[in-house]
Amino acid sequence: MTTALAILICLTTAGVSTASADPGGPFAPNVDQHCAMQNSGSGPMTTAIPVDRITLNLETVRYPTTDSTITAIYTISGSTKTATATGTFDTARKNATFNFSVSNPPPAATLTVTYQVWVHGVYYSNFVSAPLAPCTQDNPSYVDASTWNDYVNVTGVSQRCETVDIGVGGRHAYIREDVVTVNVGHGTSYWPSWYAGRSVWADYWIVGQTTYTSGAPGVFDSDGNATLSFVILTPTPGAELDVLASGQAGSRTYPGHSWVTIAC
């Protein structure tokens, strides 16, 4: 690509903006929100406050995954609350996922998540807007996944608690581990044959982490389903666990999403 062409594309795409996700564009965004309660403070001053967990999953549809830089930003109307995260596209999954946490989200506000992508000399910017989730003390389990597609679904998450001995030389040292099993299924939009034999991944994020942790890879069976397992060492009991599945169908990689509480 020539420098002149790169500048032309940059000028053409930089001003593009719509009020909702553009699944036919060069990058396909999915945004959802999940209400929870989170402890604030320490000791006798600890209090539980409502929090909105915001997830942005971004898939590259038209461009290679290499040589990419992504900046994700959220803003809230009438509020100074904002945050920025950066990342790159995963070369196998063809996507990137970002999580934000908004404590005490203001009522009746609008959430805007902006994503800026630099890839192979091309700059693209767009955003997704939606009502901010009404997370309050009385509404701690609200979920808004209205912009999240259903091409891949996390149909179940189970956990098995174990204690393992990691000691050496006759000395014992025990740690807890959480064996997480994730069931992933195809959505209603495609036939199972579109998924059969294609790659699928289960990754996870725990509150406090900056990025997702790679969980387990696998493949869809002939029915368009997959079962994947991974292990979390020394888990924090009661913490929120965000399970993200990425499944391939056709030329695309679609996300599936589920929140559970760590049981171990």
C-alpha atoms as a PDB file:
ATOM      1  CA  MET A   1       0.000   0.000   0.000  1.00  0.00           C
ATOM      2  CA  THR A   2       1.349   3.429  -0.920  1.00  0.00           C
ATOM      3  CA  THR A   3       1.600   6.252   1.609  1.00  0.00           C
ATOM      4  CA  ALA A   4      -0.917   8.311  -0.362  1.00  0.00           C
ATOM      5  CA  LEU A   5      -3.447   5.461  -0.360  1.00  0.00           C
ATOM      6  CA  ALA A   6      -2.986   4.888   3.369  1.00  0.00           C
ATOM      7  CA  ILE A   7      -3.624   8.583   4.064  1.00  0.00           C
ATOM      8  CA  LEU A   8      -6.705   8.521   1.819  1.00  0.00           C
ATOM      9  CA  ILE A   9      -8.151   5.503   3.643  1.00  0.00           C
ATOM     10  CA  CYS A  10      -7.355   7.112   6.990  1.00  0.00           C
ATOM     11  CA  LEU A  11      -9.191  10.286   6.051  1.00  0.00           C
ATOM     12  CA  THR A  12     -12.108   8.287   4.667  1.00  0.00           C
ATOM     13  CA  THR A  13     -12.639   6.014   7.660  1.00  0.00           C
ATOM     14  CA  ALA A  14     -11.597   8.259  10.531  1.00  0.00           C
ATOM     15  CA  GLY A  15     -14.833  10.215  10.460  1.00  0.00           C
ATOM     16  CA  VAL A  16     -17.140   7.205  10.265  1.00  0.00           C
ATOM     17  CA  SER A  17     -19.487   6.953  13.224  1.00  0.00           C
ATOM     18  CA  THR A  18     -22.885   5.392  13.805  1.00  0.00           C
ATOM     19  CA  ALA A  19     -25.183   5.073  16.774  1.00  0.00           C
ATOM     20  CA  SER A  20     -24.946   1.300  16.869  1.00  0.00           C
ATOM     21  CA  ALA A  21     -22.765  -1.629  15.886  1.00  0.00           C
ATOM     22  CA  ASP A  22     -22.043  -2.106  12.188  1.00  0.00           C
ATOM     23  CA  PRO A  23     -21.690  -5.876  11.673  1.00  0.00           C
ATOM     24  CA  GLY A  24     -21.078  -5.328   7.963  1.00  0.00           C
ATOM     25  CA  GLY A  25     -18.105  -3.038   8.555  1.00  0.00           C
ATOM     26  CA  PRO A  26     -14.417  -3.924   8.648  1.00  0.00           C
ATOM     27  CA  PHE A  27     -14.614  -4.552  12.408  1.00  0.00           C
ATOM     28  CA  ALA A  28     -17.591  -6.164  14.161  1.00  0.00           C
ATOM     29  CA  PRO A  29     -18.239  -4.939  17.732  1.00  0.00           C
ATOM     30  CA  ASN A  30     -20.292  -6.579  20.465  1.00  0.00           C
ATOM     31  CA  VAL A  31     -20.942  -4.718  23.725  1.00  0.00           C
ATOM     32  CA  ASP A  32     -22.765  -6.013  26.771  1.00  0.00           C
ATOM     33  CA  GLN A  33     -23.268  -4.913  30.367  1.00  0.00           C
ATOM     34  CA  HIS A  34     -23.577  -6.919  33.561  1.00  0.00           C
ATOM     35  CA  CYS A  35     -24.541  -5.591  36.996  1.00  0.00           C
ATOM     36  CA  ALA A  36     -22.831  -6.860  40.131  1.00  0.00           C
ATOM     37  CA  MET A  37     -21.948  -5.853  43.670  1.00  0.00           C
ATOM     38  CA  GLN A  38     -18.338  -5.128  44.584  1.00  0.00           C
ATOM     39  CA  ASN A  39     -16.686  -4.485  47.939  1.00  0.00           C
ATOM     40  CA  SER A  40     -15.119  -1.084  48.447  1.00  0.00           C
ATOM     41  CA  GLY A  41     -12.784  -0.141  51.292  1.00  0.00           C
ATOM     42  CA  SER A  42     -11.220  -2.498  53.817  1.00  0.00           C
ATOM     43  CA  GLY A  43     -11.786  -3.888  57.285  1.00  0.00           C
ATOM     44  CA  PRO A  44     -14.756  -2.451  59.172  1.00  0.00           C
ATOM     45  CA  MET A  45     -15.074   0.283  56.527  1.00  0.00           C
ATOM     46  CA  THR A  46     -15.873  -2.229  53.754  1.00  0.00           C
ATOM     47  CA  THR A  47     -19.112  -1.527  51.919  1.00  0.00           C
ATOM     48  CA  ALA A  48     -20.781  -3.174  48.925  1.00  0.00           C
ATOM     49  CA  ILE A  49     -21.450  -0.893  45.962  1.00  0.00           C
ATOM     50  CA  PRO A  50     -23.176  -1.560  42.625  1.00  0.00           C
ATOM     51  CA  VAL A  51     -20.930  -1.843  39.582  1.00  0.00           C
ATOM     52  CA  ASP A  52     -21.541  -2.141  35.847  1.00  0.00           C
ATOM     53  CA  ARG A  53     -19.191  -4.564  34.052  1.00  0.00           C
ATOM     54  CA  ILE A  54     -18.859  -3.483  30.418  1.00  0.00           C
ATOM     55  CA  THR A  55     -17.434  -5.865  27.827  1.00  0.00           C
ATOM     56  CA  LEU A  56     -16.376  -4.958  24.279  1.00  0.00           C
ATOM     57  CA  ASN A  57     -15.545  -7.785  21.881  1.00  0.00           C
ATOM     58  CA  LEU A  58     -14.125  -6.611  18.558  1.00  0.00           C
ATOM     59  CA  GLU A  59     -13.578  -8.887  15.556  1.00  0.00           C
ATOM     60  CA  THR A  60     -11.537  -7.962  12.503  1.00  0.00           C
ATOM     61  CA  VAL A  61     -13.574  -8.903   9.438  1.00  0.00           C
ATOM     62  CA  ARG A  62     -11.720  -7.399   6.482  1.00  0.00           C
ATOM     63  CA  TYR A  63      -8.146  -6.878   7.665  1.00  0.00           C
ATOM     64  CA  PRO A  64      -5.344  -9.242   8.776  1.00  0.00           C
ATOM     65  CA  THR A  65      -4.783  -9.584  12.507  1.00  0.00           C
ATOM     66  CA  THR A  66      -1.086  -8.732  12.421  1.00  0.00           C
ATOM     67  CA  ASP A  67       0.376  -5.259  12.949  1.00  0.00           C
ATOM     68  CA  SER A  68      -2.691  -4.019  14.844  1.00  0.00           C
ATOM     69  CA  THR A  69      -3.231  -1.551  17.683  1.00  0.00           C
ATOM     70  CA  ILE A  70      -6.616  -1.027  19.331  1.00  0.00           C
ATOM     71  CA  THR A  71      -7.740   1.661  21.756  1.00  0.00           C
ATOM     72  CA  ALA A  72     -11.107   1.244  23.489  1.00  0.00           C
ATOM     73  CA  ILE A  73     -12.686   4.096  25.452  1.00  0.00           C
ATOM     74  CA  TYR A  74     -15.957   4.385  27.319  1.00  0.00           C
ATOM     75  CA  THR A  75     -17.757   7.604  28.242  1.00  0.00           C
ATOM     76  CA  ILE A  76     -21.032   8.243  30.064  1.00  0.00           C
ATOM     77  CA  SER A  77     -23.351  11.140  29.302  1.00  0.00           C
ATOM     78  CA  GLY A  78     -23.463  13.785  32.030  1.00  0.00           C
ATOM     79  CA  SER A  79     -20.585  12.141  33.899  1.00  0.00           C
ATOM     80  CA  THR A  80     -16.813  12.438  34.109  1.00  0.00           C
ATOM     81  CA  LYS A  81     -16.464   8.661  34.432  1.00  0.00           C
ATOM     82  CA  THR A  82     -14.282   7.296  31.635  1.00  0.00           C
ATOM     83  CA  ALA A  83     -11.496   4.786  31.048  1.00  0.00           C
ATOM     84  CA  THR A  84      -9.198   3.678  28.239  1.00  0.00           C
ATOM     85  CA  ALA A  85      -7.778   0.255  27.381  1.00  0.00           C
ATOM     86  CA  THR A  86      -5.399  -0.829  24.643  1.00  0.00           C
ATOM     87  CA  GLY A  87      -4.716  -4.145  22.955  1.00  0.00           C
ATOM     88  CA  THR A  88      -4.193  -6.048  19.713  1.00  0.00           C
ATOM     89  CA  PHE A  89      -6.085  -8.654  17.716  1.00  0.00           C
ATOM     90  CA  ASP A  90      -5.317 -12.262  18.595  1.00  0.00           C
ATOM     91  CA  THR A  91      -3.851 -13.818  15.457  1.00  0.00           C
ATOM     92  CA  ALA A  92      -5.746 -17.122  15.821  1.00  0.00           C
ATOM     93  CA  ARG A  93      -9.060 -15.894  17.237  1.00  0.00           C
ATOM     94  CA  LYS A  94      -9.174 -12.763  15.033  1.00  0.00           C
ATOM     95  CA  ASN A  95     -10.664 -10.762  17.894  1.00  0.00           C
ATOM     96  CA  ALA A  96      -9.847  -8.690  20.963  1.00  0.00           C
ATOM     97  CA  THR A  97     -11.884  -8.225  24.132  1.00  0.00           C
ATOM     98  CA  PHE A  98     -11.846  -5.403  26.700  1.00  0.00           C
ATOM     99  CA  ASN A  99     -13.543  -5.118  30.094  1.00  0.00           C
ATOM    100  CA  PHE A 100     -14.400  -1.987  32.066  1.00  0.00           C
ATOM    101  CA  SER A 101     -15.953  -1.585  35.519  1.00  0.00           C
ATOM    102  CA  VAL A 102     -18.092   1.443  36.394  1.00  0.00           C
ATOM    103  CA  SER A 103     -18.749   1.887  40.109  1.00  0.00           C
ATOM    104  CA  ASN A 104     -22.049   3.484  41.149  1.00  0.00           C
ATOM    105  CA  PRO A 105     -23.196   4.048  37.546  1.00  0.00           C
ATOM    106  CA  PRO A 106     -25.380   7.166  37.254  1.00  0.00           C
ATOM    107  CA  PRO A 107     -29.065   6.564  36.471  1.00  0.00           C
ATOM    108  CA  ALA A 108     -30.724   7.325  33.122  1.00  0.00           C
ATOM    109  CA  ALA A 109     -27.391   7.870  31.374  1.00  0.00           C
ATOM    110  CA  THR A 110     -26.088   6.817  27.963  1.00  0.00           C
ATOM    111  CA  LEU A 111     -23.021   4.625  27.569  1.00  0.00           C
ATOM    112  CA  THR A 112     -20.760   5.156  24.553  1.00  0.00           C
ATOM    113  CA  VAL A 113     -17.933   2.735  23.796  1.00  0.00           C
ATOM    114  CA  THR A 114     -15.527   4.006  21.142  1.00  0.00           C
ATOM    115  CA  TYR A 115     -12.969   1.807  19.418  1.00  0.00           C
ATOM    116  CA  GLN A 116     -10.031   3.077  17.380  1.00  0.00           C
ATOM    117  CA  VAL A 117      -8.093   0.605  15.244  1.00  0.00           C
ATOM    118  CA  TRP A 118      -4.768   1.007  13.472  1.00  0.00           C
ATOM    119  CA  VAL A 119      -3.966  -1.952  11.219  1.00  0.00           C
ATOM    120  CA  HIS A 120      -1.608  -2.136   8.238  1.00  0.00           C
ATOM    121  CA  GLY A 121      -1.493   1.639   7.832  1.00  0.00           C
ATOM    122  CA  VAL A 122      -5.282   2.032   8.057  1.00  0.00           C
ATOM    123  CA  TYR A 123      -7.044   3.974  10.824  1.00  0.00           C
ATOM    124  CA  TYR A 124     -10.705   3.296  11.644  1.00  0.00           C
ATOM    125  CA  SER A 125     -12.891   4.694  14.419  1.00  0.00           C
ATOM    126  CA  ASN A 126     -16.474   3.917  15.363  1.00  0.00           C
ATOM    127  CA  PHE A 127     -18.640   3.600  18.456  1.00  0.00           C
ATOM    128  CA  VAL A 128     -21.543   1.742  20.036  1.00  0.00           C
ATOM    129  CA  SER A 129     -24.089   3.553  22.214  1.00  0.00           C
ATOM    130  CA  ALA A 130     -26.681   2.080  24.570  1.00  0.00           C
ATOM    131  CA  PRO A 131     -28.524   3.045  27.764  1.00  0.00           C
ATOM    132  CA  LEU A 132     -26.238   2.581  30.756  1.00  0.00           C
ATOM    133  CA  ALA A 133     -27.316  -0.448  32.774  1.00  0.00           C
ATOM    134  CA  PRO A 134     -29.456   0.467  35.815  1.00  0.00           C
ATOM    135  CA  CYS A 135     -27.120  -1.135  38.358  1.00  0.00           C
ATOM    136  CA  THR A 136     -28.283  -0.394  41.914  1.00  0.00           C
ATOM    137  CA  GLN A 137     -28.358  -2.077  45.320  1.00  0.00           C
ATOM    138  CA  ASP A 138     -31.834  -3.349  44.398  1.00  0.00           C
ATOM    139  CA  ASN A 139     -30.904  -4.449  40.873  1.00  0.00           C
ATOM    140  CA  PRO A 140     -27.582  -6.324  41.135  1.00  0.00           C
ATOM    141  CA  SER A 141     -28.155  -8.933  38.428  1.00  0.00           C
ATOM    142  CA  TYR A 142     -29.335  -6.912  35.415  1.00  0.00           C
ATOM    143  CA  VAL A 143     -27.824  -7.959  32.077  1.00  0.00           C
ATOM    144  CA  ASP A 144     -28.006  -6.090  28.765  1.00  0.00           C
ATOM    145  CA  ALA A 145     -26.659  -8.066  25.822  1.00  0.00           C
ATOM    146  CA  SER A 146     -28.834  -6.417  23.173  1.00  0.00           C
ATOM    147  CA  THR A 147     -25.872  -5.769  20.858  1.00  0.00           C
ATOM    148  CA  TRP A 148     -24.253  -9.182  21.509  1.00  0.00           C
ATOM    149  CA  ASN A 149     -24.915 -11.646  18.680  1.00  0.00           C
ATOM    150  CA  ASP A 150     -26.058 -15.247  19.261  1.00  0.00           C
ATOM    151  CA  TYR A 151     -23.968 -17.080  16.669  1.00  0.00           C
ATOM    152  CA  VAL A 152     -22.013 -18.774  19.481  1.00  0.00           C
ATOM    153  CA  ASN A 153     -23.421 -19.374  22.966  1.00  0.00           C
ATOM    154  CA  VAL A 154     -21.923 -20.460  26.273  1.00  0.00           C
ATOM    155  CA  THR A 155     -24.600 -22.988  27.201  1.00  0.00           C
ATOM    156  CA  GLY A 156     -23.169 -24.064  30.550  1.00  0.00           C
ATOM    157  CA  VAL A 157     -20.316 -23.551  33.016  1.00  0.00           C
ATOM    158  CA  SER A 158     -19.531 -26.061  35.778  1.00  0.00           C
ATOM    159  CA  GLN A 159     -16.782 -26.079  38.401  1.00  0.00           C
ATOM    160  CA  ARG A 160     -14.981 -28.806  40.339  1.00  0.00           C
ATOM    161  CA  CYS A 161     -12.919 -27.857  43.387  1.00  0.00           C
ATOM    162  CA  GLU A 162      -9.721 -29.779  44.077  1.00  0.00           C
ATOM    163  CA  THR A 163      -6.722 -29.591  46.379  1.00  0.00           C
ATOM    164  CA  VAL A 164      -3.391 -30.578  44.847  1.00  0.00           C
ATOM    165  CA  ASP A 165       0.015 -31.211  46.370  1.00  0.00           C
ATOM    166  CA  ILE A 166       2.766 -29.227  44.643  1.00  0.00           C
ATOM    167  CA  GLY A 167       5.437 -30.099  47.189  1.00  0.00           C
ATOM    168  CA  VAL A 168       8.773 -31.658  46.220  1.00  0.00           C
ATOM    169  CA  GLY A 169      11.359 -33.772  47.995  1.00  0.00           C
ATOM    170  CA  GLY A 170       8.874 -35.319  50.394  1.00  0.00           C
ATOM    171  CA  ARG A 171       7.597 -31.948  51.569  1.00  0.00           C
ATOM    172  CA  HIS A 172       3.938 -31.166  51.094  1.00  0.00           C
ATOM    173  CA  ALA A 173       2.511 -27.900  49.829  1.00  0.00           C
ATOM    174  CA  TYR A 174      -1.179 -27.804  49.048  1.00  0.00           C
ATOM    175  CA  ILE A 175      -3.031 -25.354  46.848  1.00  0.00           C
ATOM    176  CA  ARG A 176      -6.638 -25.101  45.747  1.00  0.00           C
ATOM    177  CA  GLU A 177      -7.653 -25.208  42.120  1.00  0.00           C
ATOM    178  CA  ASP A 178     -10.896 -24.682  40.249  1.00  0.00           C
ATOM    179  CA  VAL A 179     -11.433 -26.999  37.275  1.00  0.00           C
ATOM    180  CA  VAL A 180     -13.811 -25.081  35.005  1.00  0.00           C
ATOM    181  CA  THR A 181     -15.733 -26.881  32.252  1.00  0.00           C
ATOM    182  CA  VAL A 182     -17.389 -24.767  29.565  1.00  0.00           C
ATOM    183  CA  ASN A 183     -20.061 -26.003  27.165  1.00  0.00           C
ATOM    184  CA  VAL A 184     -20.226 -24.035  23.917  1.00  0.00           C
ATOM    185  CA  GLY A 185     -22.977 -24.376  21.335  1.00  0.00           C
ATOM    186  CA  HIS A 186     -23.758 -22.965  17.915  1.00  0.00           C
ATOM    187  CA  GLY A 187     -26.347 -20.219  17.664  1.00  0.00           C
ATOM    188  CA  THR A 188     -29.632 -20.321  15.781  1.00  0.00           C
ATOM    189  CA  SER A 189     -28.417 -18.332  12.784  1.00  0.00           C
ATOM    190  CA  TYR A 190     -26.246 -21.039  11.186  1.00  0.00           C
ATOM    191  CA  TRP A 191     -26.548 -24.790  10.656  1.00  0.00           C
ATOM    192  CA  PRO A 192     -24.320 -27.021  12.852  1.00  0.00           C
ATOM    193  CA  SER A 193     -22.369 -28.031   9.749  1.00  0.00           C
ATOM    194  CA  TRP A 194     -20.987 -24.490   9.540  1.00  0.00           C
ATOM    195  CA  TYR A 195     -19.207 -25.087  12.867  1.00  0.00           C
ATOM    196  CA  ALA A 196     -18.268 -28.777  12.643  1.00  0.00           C
ATOM    197  CA  GLY A 197     -14.506 -29.275  12.880  1.00  0.00           C
ATOM    198  CA  ARG A 198     -13.836 -25.559  13.309  1.00  0.00           C
ATOM    199  CA  SER A 199     -11.768 -24.059  16.112  1.00  0.00           C
ATOM    200  CA  VAL A 200     -13.268 -22.811  19.372  1.00  0.00           C
ATOM    201  CA  TRP A 201     -11.610 -21.313  22.446  1.00  0.00           C
ATOM    202  CA  ALA A 202     -12.662 -20.725  26.053  1.00  0.00           C
ATOM    203  CA  ASP A 203     -10.860 -17.871  27.822  1.00  0.00           C
ATOM    204  CA  TYR A 204     -11.567 -16.118  31.097  1.00  0.00           C
ATOM    205  CA  TRP A 205     -11.271 -12.844  32.960  1.00  0.00           C
ATOM    206  CA  ILE A 206     -11.407 -12.299  36.721  1.00  0.00           C
ATOM    207  CA  VAL A 207     -12.084  -8.905  38.249  1.00  0.00           C
ATOM    208  CA  GLY A 208      -8.741  -7.199  38.807  1.00  0.00           C
ATOM    209  CA  GLN A 209      -7.052  -8.662  35.739  1.00  0.00           C
ATOM    210  CA  THR A 210      -6.086  -6.336  32.902  1.00  0.00           C
ATOM    211  CA  THR A 211      -6.495  -8.900  30.112  1.00  0.00           C
ATOM    212  CA  TYR A 212      -8.159 -12.225  29.431  1.00  0.00           C
ATOM    213  CA  THR A 213      -6.304 -15.412  30.323  1.00  0.00           C
ATOM    214  CA  SER A 214      -6.129 -18.116  27.676  1.00  0.00           C
ATOM    215  CA  GLY A 215      -8.168 -21.070  28.915  1.00  0.00           C
ATOM    216  CA  ALA A 216      -8.441 -23.971  26.475  1.00  0.00           C
ATOM    217  CA  PRO A 217      -8.668 -24.565  22.702  1.00  0.00           C
ATOM    218  CA  GLY A 218     -10.852 -27.166  20.998  1.00  0.00           C
ATOM    219  CA  VAL A 219     -13.026 -27.932  17.983  1.00  0.00           C
ATOM    220  CA  PHE A 220     -16.771 -28.113  17.393  1.00  0.00           C
ATOM    221  CA  ASP A 221     -18.244 -31.591  16.919  1.00  0.00           C
ATOM    222  CA  SER A 222     -20.621 -32.536  14.092  1.00  0.00           C
ATOM    223  CA  ASP A 223     -23.553 -31.101  16.076  1.00  0.00           C
ATOM    224  CA  GLY A 224     -21.860 -27.713  16.419  1.00  0.00           C
ATOM    225  CA  ASN A 225     -21.086 -28.177  20.126  1.00  0.00           C
ATOM    226  CA  ALA A 226     -17.862 -28.281  22.131  1.00  0.00           C
ATOM    227  CA  THR A 227     -16.778 -28.941  25.726  1.00  0.00           C
ATOM    228  CA  LEU A 228     -13.618 -27.236  26.968  1.00  0.00           C
ATOM    229  CA  SER A 229     -11.897 -27.285  30.369  1.00  0.00           C
ATOM    230  CA  PHE A 230      -9.249 -25.168  32.061  1.00  0.00           C
ATOM    231  CA  VAL A 231      -7.818 -24.832  35.575  1.00  0.00           C
ATOM    232  CA  ILE A 232      -7.641 -21.720  37.765  1.00  0.00           C
ATOM    233  CA  LEU A 233      -4.988 -21.989  40.477  1.00  0.00           C
ATOM    234  CA  THR A 234      -5.640 -20.532  43.953  1.00  0.00           C
ATOM    235  CA  PRO A 235      -9.009 -19.035  42.967  1.00  0.00           C
ATOM    236  CA  THR A 236     -10.678 -16.338  45.048  1.00  0.00           C
ATOM    237  CA  PRO A 237     -13.965 -17.760  46.400  1.00  0.00           C
ATOM    238  CA  GLY A 238     -16.965 -15.639  45.496  1.00  0.00           C
ATOM    239  CA  ALA A 239     -15.131 -13.612  42.847  1.00  0.00           C
ATOM    240  CA  GLU A 240     -16.765 -13.016  39.486  1.00  0.00           C
ATOM    241  CA  LEU A 241     -15.552 -15.149  36.598  1.00  0.00           C
ATOM    242  CA  ASP A 242     -16.162 -13.928  33.054  1.00  0.00           C
ATOM    243  CA  VAL A 243     -16.050 -16.824  30.574  1.00  0.00           C
ATOM    244  CA  LEU A 244     -15.587 -15.887  26.924  1.00  0.00           C
ATOM    245  CA  ALA A 245     -15.929 -18.363  24.061  1.00  0.00           C
ATOM    246  CA  SER A 246     -14.668 -17.597  20.548  1.00  0.00           C
ATOM    247  CA  GLY A 247     -15.961 -19.952  17.860  1.00  0.00           C
ATOM    248  CA  GLN A 248     -15.323 -20.043  14.134  1.00  0.00           C
ATOM    249  CA  ALA A 249     -17.988 -20.489  11.453  1.00  0.00           C
ATOM    250  CA  GLY A 250     -17.454 -19.716   7.800  1.00  0.00           C
ATOM    251  CA  SER A 251     -14.861 -16.943   7.611  1.00  0.00           C
ATOM    252  CA  ARG A 252     -15.884 -15.379  10.932  1.00  0.00           C
ATOM    253  CA  THR A 253     -15.086 -15.782  14.635  1.00  0.00           C
ATOM    254  CA  TYR A 254     -18.097 -15.223  16.890  1.00  0.00           C
ATOM    255  CA  PRO A 255     -18.072 -14.625  20.664  1.00  0.00           C
ATOM    256  CA  GLY A 256     -20.145 -16.199  23.419  1.00  0.00           C
ATOM    257  CA  HIS A 257     -20.249 -14.831  26.937  1.00  0.00           C
ATOM    258  CA  SER A 258     -21.228 -15.916  30.450  1.00  0.00           C
ATOM    259  CA  TRP A 259     -20.683 -14.647  33.998  1.00  0.00           C
ATOM    260  CA  VAL A 260     -20.483 -17.024  36.973  1.00  0.00           C
ATOM    261  CA  THR A 261     -19.271 -16.896  40.570  1.00  0.00           C
ATOM    262  CA  ILE A 262     -16.106 -18.787  41.499  1.00  0.00           C
ATOM    263  CA  ALA A 263     -17.226 -21.651  43.711  1.00  0.00           C
ATOM    264  CA  CYS A 264     -13.857 -22.873  45.017  1.00  0.00           C
END
